[in-house]
């Protein structure tokens, strides 16, 4: 739970514009979806 929260906090922190930002957001959303699916089981 804490590592996921850390990822969310890092993602919300303002940073230099990087080409990987959208890709990172997509990966983050995927991880959250998997995490929620695990909680449902």
N, C-alpha and C. Protein backbone atom coordinates (compact mmCIF):
# COMPACT_ATOMS: atom_id res chain seq x y z
N UNK A 1 0.85 -1.20 0.00
CA UNK A 1 0.00 0.00 0.00
C UNK A 1 0.88 1.24 0.00
N UNK A 2 1.89 1.25 0.86
CA UNK A 2 2.75 2.43 0.95
C UNK A 2 3.52 2.71 -0.33
N UNK A 3 4.10 1.67 -0.96
CA UNK A 3 4.82 1.93 -2.23
C UNK A 3 3.91 2.56 -3.27
N UNK A 4 2.64 2.12 -3.33
CA UNK A 4 1.70 2.69 -4.29
C UNK A 4 1.46 4.15 -3.97
N UNK A 5 1.31 4.45 -2.67
CA UNK A 5 1.09 5.85 -2.26
C UNK A 5 2.30 6.69 -2.63
N UNK A 6 3.49 6.12 -2.47
CA UNK A 6 4.71 6.86 -2.81
C UNK A 6 4.74 7.18 -4.30
N UNK A 7 4.31 6.22 -5.12
CA UNK A 7 4.27 6.46 -6.57
C UNK A 7 3.30 7.57 -6.89
N UNK A 8 2.15 7.57 -6.22
CA UNK A 8 1.15 8.62 -6.47
C UNK A 8 1.72 9.97 -6.08
N UNK A 9 2.41 10.02 -4.93
CA UNK A 9 2.97 11.29 -4.46
C UNK A 9 4.02 11.79 -5.44
N UNK A 10 4.88 10.89 -5.91
CA UNK A 10 5.92 11.29 -6.86
C UNK A 10 5.31 11.78 -8.16
N UNK A 11 4.23 11.13 -8.59
CA UNK A 11 3.59 11.50 -9.85
C UNK A 11 2.97 12.89 -9.75
N UNK A 12 2.45 13.23 -8.56
CA UNK A 12 1.80 14.53 -8.38
C UNK A 12 2.81 15.66 -8.23
N UNK A 13 4.04 15.32 -7.87
CA UNK A 13 5.06 16.36 -7.69
C UNK A 13 5.39 17.00 -9.03
N UNK A 14 5.43 18.34 -9.07
CA UNK A 14 5.79 19.03 -10.32
C UNK A 14 7.24 18.75 -10.69
N UNK A 15 7.47 18.48 -11.95
CA UNK A 15 8.83 18.17 -12.39
C UNK A 15 9.04 18.63 -13.81
N UNK A 16 10.26 18.53 -14.29
CA UNK A 16 10.57 18.93 -15.67
C UNK A 16 9.79 18.08 -16.66
N UNK A 17 9.35 18.69 -17.74
CA UNK A 17 8.57 17.96 -18.74
C UNK A 17 9.45 16.90 -19.40
N UNK A 18 9.03 15.64 -19.30
CA UNK A 18 9.79 14.54 -19.91
C UNK A 18 8.89 13.78 -20.88
N UNK A 19 9.45 13.23 -21.94
CA UNK A 19 8.67 12.45 -22.91
C UNK A 19 8.05 11.21 -22.26
N UNK A 20 8.66 10.74 -21.16
CA UNK A 20 8.18 9.52 -20.51
C UNK A 20 7.04 9.80 -19.54
N UNK A 21 6.70 11.06 -19.33
CA UNK A 21 5.66 11.40 -18.36
C UNK A 21 4.32 10.72 -18.68
N UNK A 22 3.81 10.86 -19.90
CA UNK A 22 2.54 10.20 -20.23
C UNK A 22 2.64 8.68 -20.09
N UNK A 23 3.77 8.14 -20.51
CA UNK A 23 3.96 6.69 -20.42
C UNK A 23 3.97 6.27 -18.96
N UNK A 24 4.62 7.05 -18.11
CA UNK A 24 4.70 6.73 -16.69
C UNK A 24 3.30 6.77 -16.08
N UNK A 25 2.50 7.76 -16.49
CA UNK A 25 1.14 7.88 -15.97
C UNK A 25 0.33 6.65 -16.36
N UNK A 26 0.50 6.21 -17.60
CA UNK A 26 -0.23 5.03 -18.08
C UNK A 26 0.15 3.80 -17.27
N UNK A 27 1.44 3.63 -17.04
CA UNK A 27 1.90 2.48 -16.25
C UNK A 27 1.36 2.57 -14.83
N UNK A 28 1.36 3.79 -14.29
CA UNK A 28 0.86 3.99 -12.93
C UNK A 28 -0.61 3.60 -12.83
N UNK A 29 -1.40 4.04 -13.81
CA UNK A 29 -2.83 3.71 -13.81
C UNK A 29 -3.03 2.20 -13.91
N UNK A 30 -2.19 1.55 -14.71
CA UNK A 30 -2.29 0.09 -14.85
C UNK A 30 -2.00 -0.59 -13.53
N UNK A 31 -0.97 -0.12 -12.83
CA UNK A 31 -0.61 -0.70 -11.53
C UNK A 31 -1.75 -0.51 -10.54
N UNK A 32 -2.36 0.66 -10.55
CA UNK A 32 -3.47 0.94 -9.63
C UNK A 32 -4.63 0.01 -9.94
N UNK A 33 -4.91 -0.20 -11.24
CA UNK A 33 -6.01 -1.09 -11.63
C UNK A 33 -5.75 -2.50 -11.12
N UNK A 34 -4.53 -2.99 -11.29
CA UNK A 34 -4.17 -4.33 -10.82
C UNK A 34 -4.30 -4.40 -9.30
N UNK A 35 -3.84 -3.33 -8.63
CA UNK A 35 -3.89 -3.28 -7.17
C UNK A 35 -5.34 -3.37 -6.69
N UNK A 36 -6.23 -2.63 -7.35
CA UNK A 36 -7.65 -2.65 -6.97
C UNK A 36 -8.26 -4.02 -7.23
N UNK A 37 -7.88 -4.65 -8.32
CA UNK A 37 -8.39 -5.99 -8.64
C UNK A 37 -7.97 -6.99 -7.56
N UNK A 38 -6.75 -6.84 -7.06
CA UNK A 38 -6.26 -7.73 -6.00
C UNK A 38 -7.06 -7.51 -4.72
N UNK A 39 -7.39 -6.25 -4.44
CA UNK A 39 -8.16 -5.95 -3.23
C UNK A 39 -9.57 -6.55 -3.32
N UNK A 40 -10.13 -6.57 -4.52
CA UNK A 40 -11.49 -7.10 -4.69
C UNK A 40 -11.54 -8.60 -4.42
N UNK A 41 -10.43 -9.31 -4.67
CA UNK A 41 -10.44 -10.77 -4.51
C UNK A 41 -10.40 -11.20 -3.06
